[in-house]
Amino acid sequence: MNQADPNQLVVTQVRSAIGAKPKARGALRALGLGKIGRSHVLPDRPEIRGMLRKVRHLVDVQEVGNAETA
């Protein structure tokens, strides 16, 4: 793959998963989260967006643009 990397997302867990449904807890684990305050940088892909939609009430998402524009 010679294409530039896609945009990135910085995902930070801001609420506890206690009391959340099992699928939401699984989505958090798949995103590399599990404790409040933990952050993870992920590629901006449809499957990641789907997981984020499942846990949107537990996380904070920031988009980071690609540094290479040439």
PDB file of N, CA and C in Angstrom:
ATOM      1  N   MET A   1       0.834  -1.180   0.000  1.00  0.00           N
ATOM      2  CA  MET A   1       0.000   0.000   0.000  1.00  0.00           C
ATOM      3  C   MET A   1       0.877   1.240   0.000  1.00  0.00           C
ATOM      4  N   ASN A   2       0.831   1.969  -1.065  1.00  0.00           N
ATOM      5  CA  ASN A   2       1.631   3.175  -1.177  1.00  0.00           C
ATOM      6  C   ASN A   2       0.839   4.423  -0.866  1.00  0.00           C
ATOM      7  N   GLN A   3      -0.422   4.259  -0.542  1.00  0.00           N
ATOM      8  CA  GLN A   3      -1.240   5.418  -0.225  1.00  0.00           C
ATOM      9  C   GLN A   3      -0.877   5.944   1.158  1.00  0.00           C
ATOM     10  N   ALA A   4      -1.146   7.224   1.367  1.00  0.00           N
ATOM     11  CA  ALA A   4      -0.913   7.820   2.679  1.00  0.00           C
ATOM     12  C   ALA A   4      -1.911   7.231   3.668  1.00  0.00           C
ATOM     13  N   ASP A   5      -1.534   7.182   4.944  1.00  0.00           N
ATOM     14  CA  ASP A   5      -2.427   6.657   5.976  1.00  0.00           C
ATOM     15  C   ASP A   5      -3.695   7.494   6.034  1.00  0.00           C
ATOM     16  N   PRO A   6      -4.819   6.854   6.351  1.00  0.00           N
ATOM     17  CA  PRO A   6      -6.061   7.622   6.480  1.00  0.00           C
ATOM     18  C   PRO A   6      -6.016   8.503   7.716  1.00  0.00           C
ATOM     19  N   ASN A   7      -6.998   9.353   7.845  1.00  0.00           N
ATOM     20  CA  ASN A   7      -7.074  10.187   9.043  1.00  0.00           C
ATOM     21  C   ASN A   7      -7.132   9.300  10.265  1.00  0.00           C
ATOM     22  N   GLN A   8      -6.762   9.868  11.386  1.00  0.00           N
ATOM     23  CA  GLN A   8      -6.707   9.118  12.631  1.00  0.00           C
ATOM     24  C   GLN A   8      -7.737   9.666  13.611  1.00  0.00           C
ATOM     25  N   LEU A   9      -8.151   8.829  14.535  1.00  0.00           N
ATOM     26  CA  LEU A   9      -9.070   9.218  15.595  1.00  0.00           C
ATOM     27  C   LEU A   9      -8.391   8.963  16.932  1.00  0.00           C
ATOM     28  N   VAL A  10      -8.471   9.937  17.837  1.00  0.00           N
ATOM     29  CA  VAL A  10      -8.000   9.746  19.202  1.00  0.00           C
ATOM     30  C   VAL A  10      -9.233   9.515  20.055  1.00  0.00           C
ATOM     31  N   VAL A  11      -9.329   8.319  20.620  1.00  0.00           N
ATOM     32  CA  VAL A  11     -10.494   7.921  21.395  1.00  0.00           C
ATOM     33  C   VAL A  11     -10.084   7.846  22.860  1.00  0.00           C
ATOM     34  N   THR A  12     -10.813   8.548  23.725  1.00  0.00           N
ATOM     35  CA  THR A  12     -10.537   8.554  25.156  1.00  0.00           C
ATOM     36  C   THR A  12     -11.780   8.103  25.901  1.00  0.00           C
ATOM     37  N   GLN A  13     -11.624   7.149  26.808  1.00  0.00           N
ATOM     38  CA  GLN A  13     -12.761   6.704  27.605  1.00  0.00           C
ATOM     39  C   GLN A  13     -12.989   7.712  28.722  1.00  0.00           C
ATOM     40  N   VAL A  14     -14.228   8.210  28.831  1.00  0.00           N
ATOM     41  CA  VAL A  14     -14.548   9.234  29.828  1.00  0.00           C
ATOM     42  C   VAL A  14     -15.558   8.755  30.862  1.00  0.00           C
ATOM     43  N   ARG A  15     -16.215   7.619  30.615  1.00  0.00           N
ATOM     44  CA  ARG A  15     -17.173   7.074  31.572  1.00  0.00           C
ATOM     45  C   ARG A  15     -16.905   5.594  31.773  1.00  0.00           C
ATOM     46  N   SER A  16     -17.349   5.088  32.908  1.00  0.00           N
ATOM     47  CA  SER A  16     -17.134   3.695  33.254  1.00  0.00           C
ATOM     48  C   SER A  16     -18.039   2.769  32.446  1.00  0.00           C
ATOM     49  N   ALA A  17     -17.554   1.559  32.220  1.00  0.00           N
ATOM     50  CA  ALA A  17     -18.331   0.544  31.516  1.00  0.00           C
ATOM     51  C   ALA A  17     -19.177  -0.283  32.482  1.00  0.00           C
ATOM     52  N   ILE A  18     -19.108   0.013  33.772  1.00  0.00           N
ATOM     53  CA  ILE A  18     -19.927  -0.712  34.741  1.00  0.00           C
ATOM     54  C   ILE A  18     -21.386  -0.420  34.435  1.00  0.00           C
ATOM     55  N   GLY A  19     -22.163  -1.451  34.309  1.00  0.00           N
ATOM     56  CA  GLY A  19     -23.578  -1.297  33.997  1.00  0.00           C
ATOM     57  C   GLY A  19     -23.869  -1.221  32.515  1.00  0.00           C
ATOM     58  N   ALA A  20     -22.829  -1.175  31.693  1.00  0.00           N
ATOM     59  CA  ALA A  20     -23.026  -1.135  30.243  1.00  0.00           C
ATOM     60  C   ALA A  20     -23.362  -2.540  29.745  1.00  0.00           C
ATOM     61  N   LYS A  21     -23.997  -2.602  28.600  1.00  0.00           N
ATOM     62  CA  LYS A  21     -24.349  -3.895  28.022  1.00  0.00           C
ATOM     63  C   LYS A  21     -23.086  -4.629  27.578  1.00  0.00           C
ATOM     64  N   PRO A  22     -23.142  -5.954  27.537  1.00  0.00           N
ATOM     65  CA  PRO A  22     -21.952  -6.731  27.162  1.00  0.00           C
ATOM     66  C   PRO A  22     -21.363  -6.362  25.800  1.00  0.00           C
ATOM     67  N   LYS A  23     -22.206  -6.051  24.828  1.00  0.00           N
ATOM     68  CA  LYS A  23     -21.675  -5.672  23.510  1.00  0.00           C
ATOM     69  C   LYS A  23     -20.915  -4.351  23.580  1.00  0.00           C
ATOM     70  N   ALA A  24     -21.375  -3.423  24.419  1.00  0.00           N
ATOM     71  CA  ALA A  24     -20.668  -2.146  24.578  1.00  0.00           C
ATOM     72  C   ALA A  24     -19.326  -2.369  25.270  1.00  0.00           C
ATOM     73  N   ARG A  25     -19.296  -3.236  26.281  1.00  0.00           N
ATOM     74  CA  ARG A  25     -18.031  -3.543  26.959  1.00  0.00           C
ATOM     75  C   ARG A  25     -17.060  -4.210  25.998  1.00  0.00           C
ATOM     76  N   GLY A  26     -17.567  -5.097  25.149  1.00  0.00           N
ATOM     77  CA  GLY A  26     -16.722  -5.748  24.158  1.00  0.00           C
ATOM     78  C   GLY A  26     -16.176  -4.763  23.143  1.00  0.00           C
ATOM     79  N   ALA A  27     -17.001  -3.797  22.754  1.00  0.00           N
ATOM     80  CA  ALA A  27     -16.537  -2.772  21.811  1.00  0.00           C
ATOM     81  C   ALA A  27     -15.429  -1.926  22.431  1.00  0.00           C
ATOM     82  N   LEU A  28     -15.553  -1.616  23.723  1.00  0.00           N
ATOM     83  CA  LEU A  28     -14.493  -0.861  24.400  1.00  0.00           C
ATOM     84  C   LEU A  28     -13.184  -1.641  24.387  1.00  0.00           C
ATOM     85  N   ARG A  29     -13.251  -2.927  24.687  1.00  0.00           N
ATOM     86  CA  ARG A  29     -12.043  -3.749  24.696  1.00  0.00           C
ATOM     87  C   ARG A  29     -11.433  -3.815  23.291  1.00  0.00           C
ATOM     88  N   ALA A  30     -12.273  -3.934  22.274  1.00  0.00           N
ATOM     89  CA  ALA A  30     -11.787  -4.004  20.897  1.00  0.00           C
ATOM     90  C   ALA A  30     -11.137  -2.692  20.468  1.00  0.00           C
ATOM     91  N   LEU A  31     -11.583  -1.591  21.063  1.00  0.00           N
ATOM     92  CA  LEU A  31     -10.999  -0.284  20.761  1.00  0.00           C
ATOM     93  C   LEU A  31      -9.719  -0.033  21.554  1.00  0.00           C
ATOM     94  N   GLY A  32      -9.359  -0.950  22.436  1.00  0.00           N
ATOM     95  CA  GLY A  32      -8.137  -0.792  23.222  1.00  0.00           C
ATOM     96  C   GLY A  32      -8.346   0.023  24.477  1.00  0.00           C
ATOM     97  N   LEU A  33      -9.578   0.135  24.930  1.00  0.00           N
ATOM     98  CA  LEU A  33      -9.886   0.910  26.128  1.00  0.00           C
ATOM     99  C   LEU A  33     -10.300  -0.039  27.242  1.00  0.00           C
ATOM    100  N   GLY A  34     -10.570   0.484  28.409  1.00  0.00           N
ATOM    101  CA  GLY A  34     -10.991  -0.360  29.515  1.00  0.00           C
ATOM    102  C   GLY A  34     -10.961   0.367  30.833  1.00  0.00           C
ATOM    103  N   LYS A  35     -10.257   1.477  30.895  1.00  0.00           N
ATOM    104  CA  LYS A  35     -10.201   2.277  32.112  1.00  0.00           C
ATOM    105  C   LYS A  35     -10.472   3.729  31.753  1.00  0.00           C
ATOM    106  N   ILE A  36     -11.086   4.446  32.662  1.00  0.00           N
ATOM    107  CA  ILE A  36     -11.375   5.856  32.430  1.00  0.00           C
ATOM    108  C   ILE A  36     -10.060   6.613  32.264  1.00  0.00           C
ATOM    109  N   GLY A  37     -10.002   7.470  31.260  1.00  0.00           N
ATOM    110  CA  GLY A  37      -8.813   8.268  31.004  1.00  0.00           C
ATOM    111  C   GLY A  37      -7.860   7.638  30.013  1.00  0.00           C
ATOM    112  N   ARG A  38      -8.046   6.383  29.682  1.00  0.00           N
ATOM    113  CA  ARG A  38      -7.168   5.720  28.720  1.00  0.00           C
ATOM    114  C   ARG A  38      -7.512   6.197  27.310  1.00  0.00           C
ATOM    115  N   SER A  39      -6.482   6.471  26.508  1.00  0.00           N
ATOM    116  CA  SER A  39      -6.666   6.928  25.131  1.00  0.00           C
ATOM    117  C   SER A  39      -6.008   5.961  24.169  1.00  0.00           C
ATOM    118  N   HIS A  40      -6.507   5.969  22.947  1.00  0.00           N
ATOM    119  CA  HIS A  40      -5.959   5.103  21.918  1.00  0.00           C
ATOM    120  C   HIS A  40      -6.123   5.797  20.576  1.00  0.00           C
ATOM    121  N   VAL A  41      -5.101   5.735  19.738  1.00  0.00           N
ATOM    122  CA  VAL A  41      -5.154   6.320  18.399  1.00  0.00           C
ATOM    123  C   VAL A  41      -5.520   5.212  17.425  1.00  0.00           C
ATOM    124  N   LEU A  42      -6.591   5.437  16.656  1.00  0.00           N
ATOM    125  CA  LEU A  42      -7.113   4.422  15.747  1.00  0.00           C
ATOM    126  C   LEU A  42      -7.300   5.003  14.354  1.00  0.00           C
ATOM    127  N   PRO A  43      -7.233   4.168  13.324  1.00  0.00           N
ATOM    128  CA  PRO A  43      -7.511   4.666  11.970  1.00  0.00           C
ATOM    129  C   PRO A  43      -8.993   4.961  11.807  1.00  0.00           C
ATOM    130  N   ASP A  44      -9.295   5.920  10.965  1.00  0.00           N
ATOM    131  CA  ASP A  44     -10.688   6.317  10.721  1.00  0.00           C
ATOM    132  C   ASP A  44     -11.257   5.412   9.632  1.00  0.00           C
ATOM    133  N   ARG A  45     -11.821   4.269  10.060  1.00  0.00           N
ATOM    134  CA  ARG A  45     -12.403   3.299   9.132  1.00  0.00           C
ATOM    135  C   ARG A  45     -13.842   3.016   9.543  1.00  0.00           C
ATOM    136  N   PRO A  46     -14.661   2.519   8.621  1.00  0.00           N
ATOM    137  CA  PRO A  46     -16.075   2.265   8.937  1.00  0.00           C
ATOM    138  C   PRO A  46     -16.286   1.304  10.105  1.00  0.00           C
ATOM    139  N   GLU A  47     -15.466   0.263  10.222  1.00  0.00           N
ATOM    140  CA  GLU A  47     -15.660  -0.681  11.316  1.00  0.00           C
ATOM    141  C   GLU A  47     -15.325  -0.056  12.678  1.00  0.00           C
ATOM    142  N   ILE A  48     -14.358   0.849  12.698  1.00  0.00           N
ATOM    143  CA  ILE A  48     -14.034   1.567  13.932  1.00  0.00           C
ATOM    144  C   ILE A  48     -15.169   2.532  14.270  1.00  0.00           C
ATOM    145  N   ARG A  49     -15.688   3.225  13.264  1.00  0.00           N
ATOM    146  CA  ARG A  49     -16.813   4.141  13.484  1.00  0.00           C
ATOM    147  C   ARG A  49     -18.029   3.408  14.044  1.00  0.00           C
ATOM    148  N   GLY A  50     -18.259   2.181  13.587  1.00  0.00           N
ATOM    149  CA  GLY A  50     -19.380   1.391  14.085  1.00  0.00           C
ATOM    150  C   GLY A  50     -19.220   1.057  15.559  1.00  0.00           C
ATOM    151  N   MET A  51     -18.001   0.690  15.960  1.00  0.00           N
ATOM    152  CA  MET A  51     -17.750   0.410  17.374  1.00  0.00           C
ATOM    153  C   MET A  51     -17.913   1.670  18.213  1.00  0.00           C
ATOM    154  N   LEU A  52     -17.452   2.799  17.669  1.00  0.00           N
ATOM    155  CA  LEU A  52     -17.586   4.060  18.401  1.00  0.00           C
ATOM    156  C   LEU A  52     -19.052   4.449  18.561  1.00  0.00           C
ATOM    157  N   ARG A  53     -19.867   4.160  17.567  1.00  0.00           N
ATOM    158  CA  ARG A  53     -21.294   4.451  17.665  1.00  0.00           C
ATOM    159  C   ARG A  53     -21.931   3.651  18.791  1.00  0.00           C
ATOM    160  N   LYS A  54     -21.441   2.440  19.016  1.00  0.00           N
ATOM    161  CA  LYS A  54     -21.974   1.567  20.065  1.00  0.00           C
ATOM    162  C   LYS A  54     -21.659   2.110  21.466  1.00  0.00           C
ATOM    163  N   VAL A  55     -20.537   2.812  21.610  1.00  0.00           N
ATOM    164  CA  VAL A  55     -20.103   3.288  22.928  1.00  0.00           C
ATOM    165  C   VAL A  55     -19.980   4.813  22.980  1.00  0.00           C
ATOM    166  N   ARG A  56     -20.747   5.501  22.152  1.00  0.00           N
ATOM    167  CA  ARG A  56     -20.612   6.966  22.061  1.00  0.00           C
ATOM    168  C   ARG A  56     -20.879   7.667  23.376  1.00  0.00           C
ATOM    169  N   HIS A  57     -21.627   7.043  24.285  1.00  0.00           N
ATOM    170  CA  HIS A  57     -21.930   7.644  25.579  1.00  0.00           C
ATOM    171  C   HIS A  57     -20.810   7.424  26.591  1.00  0.00           C
ATOM    172  N   LEU A  58     -19.801   6.635  26.246  1.00  0.00           N
ATOM    173  CA  LEU A  58     -18.711   6.320  27.162  1.00  0.00           C
ATOM    174  C   LEU A  58     -17.370   6.926  26.751  1.00  0.00           C
ATOM    175  N   VAL A  59     -17.281   7.442  25.528  1.00  0.00           N
ATOM    176  CA  VAL A  59     -15.989   7.890  25.011  1.00  0.00           C
ATOM    177  C   VAL A  59     -16.070   9.308  24.455  1.00  0.00           C
ATOM    178  N   ASP A  60     -14.886   9.893  24.301  1.00  0.00           N
ATOM    179  CA  ASP A  60     -14.726  11.186  23.640  1.00  0.00           C
ATOM    180  C   ASP A  60     -13.830  10.942  22.426  1.00  0.00           C
ATOM    181  N   VAL A  61     -14.249  11.429  21.260  1.00  0.00           N
ATOM    182  CA  VAL A  61     -13.521  11.171  20.012  1.00  0.00           C
ATOM    183  C   VAL A  61     -13.045  12.492  19.425  1.00  0.00           C
ATOM    184  N   GLN A  62     -11.766  12.527  19.042  1.00  0.00           N
ATOM    185  CA  GLN A  62     -11.205  13.694  18.365  1.00  0.00           C
ATOM    186  C   GLN A  62     -10.572  13.226  17.065  1.00  0.00           C
ATOM    187  N   GLU A  63     -10.811  13.965  15.999  1.00  0.00           N
ATOM    188  CA  GLU A  63     -10.215  13.633  14.712  1.00  0.00           C
ATOM    189  C   GLU A  63      -8.858  14.315  14.589  1.00  0.00           C
ATOM    190  N   VAL A  64      -7.907  13.570  14.063  1.00  0.00           N
ATOM    191  CA  VAL A  64      -6.570  14.108  13.816  1.00  0.00           C
ATOM    192  C   VAL A  64      -6.325  13.981  12.330  1.00  0.00           C
ATOM    193  N   GLY A  65      -6.114  15.104  11.643  1.00  0.00           N
ATOM    194  CA  GLY A  65      -5.908  15.075  10.206  1.00  0.00           C
ATOM    195  C   GLY A  65      -4.559  14.484   9.850  1.00  0.00           C
ATOM    196  N   ASN A  66      -4.427  14.083   8.604  1.00  0.00           N
ATOM    197  CA  ASN A  66      -3.189  13.510   8.101  1.00  0.00           C
ATOM    198  C   ASN A  66      -2.162  14.624   7.910  1.00  0.00           C
ATOM    199  N   ALA A  67      -0.923  14.400   8.352  1.00  0.00           N
ATOM    200  CA  ALA A  67       0.131  15.408   8.241  1.00  0.00           C
ATOM    201  C   ALA A  67       0.625  15.557   6.800  1.00  0.00           C
ATOM    202  N   GLU A  68       0.553  14.452   6.022  1.00  0.00           N
ATOM    203  CA  GLU A  68       1.024  14.502   4.638  1.00  0.00           C
ATOM    204  C   GLU A  68      -0.130  14.913   3.725  1.00  0.00           C
ATOM    205  N   THR A  69       0.047  16.040   3.051  1.00  0.00           N
ATOM    206  CA  THR A  69      -0.971  16.490   2.111  1.00  0.00           C
ATOM    207  C   THR A  69      -0.458  16.488   0.689  1.00  0.00           C
ATOM    208  N   ALA A  70       0.800  16.145   0.509  1.00  0.00           N
ATOM    209  CA  ALA A  70       1.379  16.160  -0.837  1.00  0.00           C
ATOM    210  C   ALA A  70       1.088  14.921  -1.509  1.00  0.00           C
TER     211      ALA A  70
END
